């Protein structure tokens, strides 16, 4: 399940793509337009800046702006930054896990196929596709 954090991150990115222009957009403006708590958005955009999706500037004329054009972001990268791996089962979420039942697991190929479909779907969608 995609949490509010992931969904709101997409809404922030879409808002900036639609309303941001070349300058910085104050977070209070995004919060008002999206009807999301500014306090909650502060947590979300901090992660987005750390992850390289946004640039932030404080002070007069400050706010947030995208680091790239909307067509250069995939929905998958935004969601994975906010949510972590989009894996359906724990044994596939962490590549370092070596499941002792892997060789005998009859369901593993199904979960791998499902994960591939999720990955391809979200990474195949660009932020610009949602505008």
Protein backbone atom coordinates (compact mmCIF):
# COMPACT_ATOMS: atom_id res chain seq x y z
CA UNK A 1 0.00 0.00 0.00
CA UNK A 2 1.24 3.49 -0.84
CA UNK A 3 1.12 5.71 2.26
CA UNK A 4 0.00 9.32 2.46
CA UNK A 5 3.68 10.28 2.44
CA UNK A 6 4.15 8.83 -1.05
CA UNK A 7 0.85 10.17 -2.35
CA UNK A 8 1.49 13.64 -0.96
CA UNK A 9 5.00 13.68 -2.44
CA UNK A 10 3.44 13.09 -5.86
CA UNK A 11 0.98 15.91 -5.22
CA UNK A 12 3.82 18.26 -4.25
CA UNK A 13 5.70 17.38 -7.43
CA UNK A 14 2.60 17.88 -9.56
CA UNK A 15 1.85 21.19 -7.87
CA UNK A 16 5.38 22.42 -8.55
CA UNK A 17 5.20 21.22 -12.16
CA UNK A 18 1.93 23.11 -12.67
CA UNK A 19 2.57 26.23 -10.61
CA UNK A 20 6.29 26.45 -9.90
CA UNK A 21 7.74 28.12 -12.94
CA UNK A 22 11.47 28.82 -12.70
CA UNK A 23 11.46 30.29 -9.21
CA UNK A 24 10.99 28.89 -5.75
CA UNK A 25 7.48 28.21 -4.49
CA UNK A 26 6.73 28.77 -0.80
CA UNK A 27 5.60 25.61 0.99
CA UNK A 28 2.61 27.46 2.45
CA UNK A 29 1.31 28.04 -1.09
CA UNK A 30 1.61 24.34 -1.94
CA UNK A 31 -0.03 23.38 1.36
CA UNK A 32 -2.96 25.72 0.70
CA UNK A 33 -3.52 24.56 -2.88
CA UNK A 34 -3.23 20.88 -1.94
CA UNK A 35 -5.12 21.23 1.35
CA UNK A 36 -2.35 19.41 3.23
CA UNK A 37 -0.86 20.40 6.56
CA UNK A 38 2.24 22.56 6.09
CA UNK A 39 3.85 20.78 9.06
CA UNK A 40 3.42 17.40 7.38
CA UNK A 41 4.71 18.75 4.07
CA UNK A 42 7.84 20.04 5.82
CA UNK A 43 8.73 16.44 6.71
CA UNK A 44 8.02 15.23 3.18
CA UNK A 45 9.93 17.95 1.31
CA UNK A 46 12.94 17.51 3.59
CA UNK A 47 13.23 13.92 2.34
CA UNK A 48 12.65 15.06 -1.22
CA UNK A 49 15.48 17.61 -0.99
CA UNK A 50 17.80 15.00 0.58
CA UNK A 51 16.86 12.61 -2.22
CA UNK A 52 17.66 15.14 -4.94
CA UNK A 53 14.11 15.59 -6.24
CA UNK A 54 13.80 19.19 -5.05
CA UNK A 55 15.97 22.19 -4.29
CA UNK A 56 15.07 24.25 -1.26
CA UNK A 57 15.93 27.83 -0.35
CA UNK A 58 15.09 29.66 2.87
CA UNK A 59 14.42 33.32 3.44
CA UNK A 60 12.63 35.88 1.31
CA UNK A 61 11.88 34.46 -2.12
CA UNK A 62 12.59 30.97 -0.81
CA UNK A 63 10.65 27.77 -1.06
CA UNK A 64 11.05 24.71 -3.25
CA UNK A 65 11.55 23.92 -6.89
CA UNK A 66 12.10 20.83 -8.95
CA UNK A 67 15.65 19.90 -9.92
CA UNK A 68 14.54 18.65 -13.34
CA UNK A 69 11.68 18.94 -15.80
CA UNK A 70 8.49 16.97 -15.11
CA UNK A 71 9.18 14.58 -17.98
CA UNK A 72 12.51 13.64 -16.37
CA UNK A 73 10.93 12.24 -13.19
CA UNK A 74 9.37 8.80 -13.01
CA UNK A 75 6.56 8.16 -10.58
CA UNK A 76 8.54 5.12 -9.41
CA UNK A 77 11.55 7.12 -8.26
CA UNK A 78 9.35 9.50 -6.30
CA UNK A 79 7.42 6.70 -4.62
CA UNK A 80 10.52 4.62 -3.83
CA UNK A 81 12.26 7.61 -2.28
CA UNK A 82 9.32 8.16 0.03
CA UNK A 83 8.18 4.58 0.59
CA UNK A 84 11.29 2.47 0.21
CA UNK A 85 11.26 -0.59 -2.05
CA UNK A 86 7.92 -1.24 -3.71
CA UNK A 87 8.24 -4.98 -3.17
CA UNK A 88 5.26 -7.18 -2.46
CA UNK A 89 7.05 -9.57 -0.11
CA UNK A 90 9.84 -9.10 2.43
CA UNK A 91 12.23 -11.59 0.85
CA UNK A 92 12.36 -9.48 -2.32
CA UNK A 93 12.39 -6.07 -0.62
CA UNK A 94 15.97 -6.46 0.59
CA UNK A 95 18.50 -7.86 -1.85
CA UNK A 96 20.75 -8.81 1.09
CA UNK A 97 18.23 -11.28 2.48
CA UNK A 98 19.13 -14.81 1.52
CA UNK A 99 15.97 -16.78 2.18
CA UNK A 100 16.76 -20.40 3.08
CA UNK A 101 13.51 -21.48 1.36
CA UNK A 102 14.30 -19.73 -1.91
CA UNK A 103 15.11 -22.90 -3.85
CA UNK A 104 11.93 -24.63 -2.66
CA UNK A 105 9.53 -21.68 -2.82
CA UNK A 106 6.93 -22.33 -5.48
CA UNK A 107 5.43 -18.86 -5.10
CA UNK A 108 8.66 -16.89 -5.57
CA UNK A 109 8.41 -16.66 -9.39
CA UNK A 110 4.92 -15.22 -9.04
CA UNK A 111 6.10 -12.56 -6.57
CA UNK A 112 9.07 -11.71 -8.79
CA UNK A 113 6.76 -11.28 -11.77
CA UNK A 114 4.37 -9.15 -9.73
CA UNK A 115 7.22 -6.93 -8.51
CA UNK A 116 8.44 -6.50 -12.07
CA UNK A 117 4.96 -5.41 -13.17
CA UNK A 118 4.80 -2.86 -10.32
CA UNK A 119 8.27 -1.56 -11.15
CA UNK A 120 7.58 -1.30 -14.87
CA UNK A 121 4.23 0.41 -14.26
CA UNK A 122 5.52 3.11 -11.90
CA UNK A 123 8.85 3.65 -13.64
CA UNK A 124 7.07 3.76 -17.00
CA UNK A 125 4.92 6.69 -15.85
CA UNK A 126 6.49 10.11 -15.94
CA UNK A 127 5.37 12.97 -13.74
CA UNK A 128 4.44 14.81 -16.93
CA UNK A 129 1.99 11.98 -17.78
CA UNK A 130 -0.07 12.96 -14.73
CA UNK A 131 -0.36 16.64 -15.66
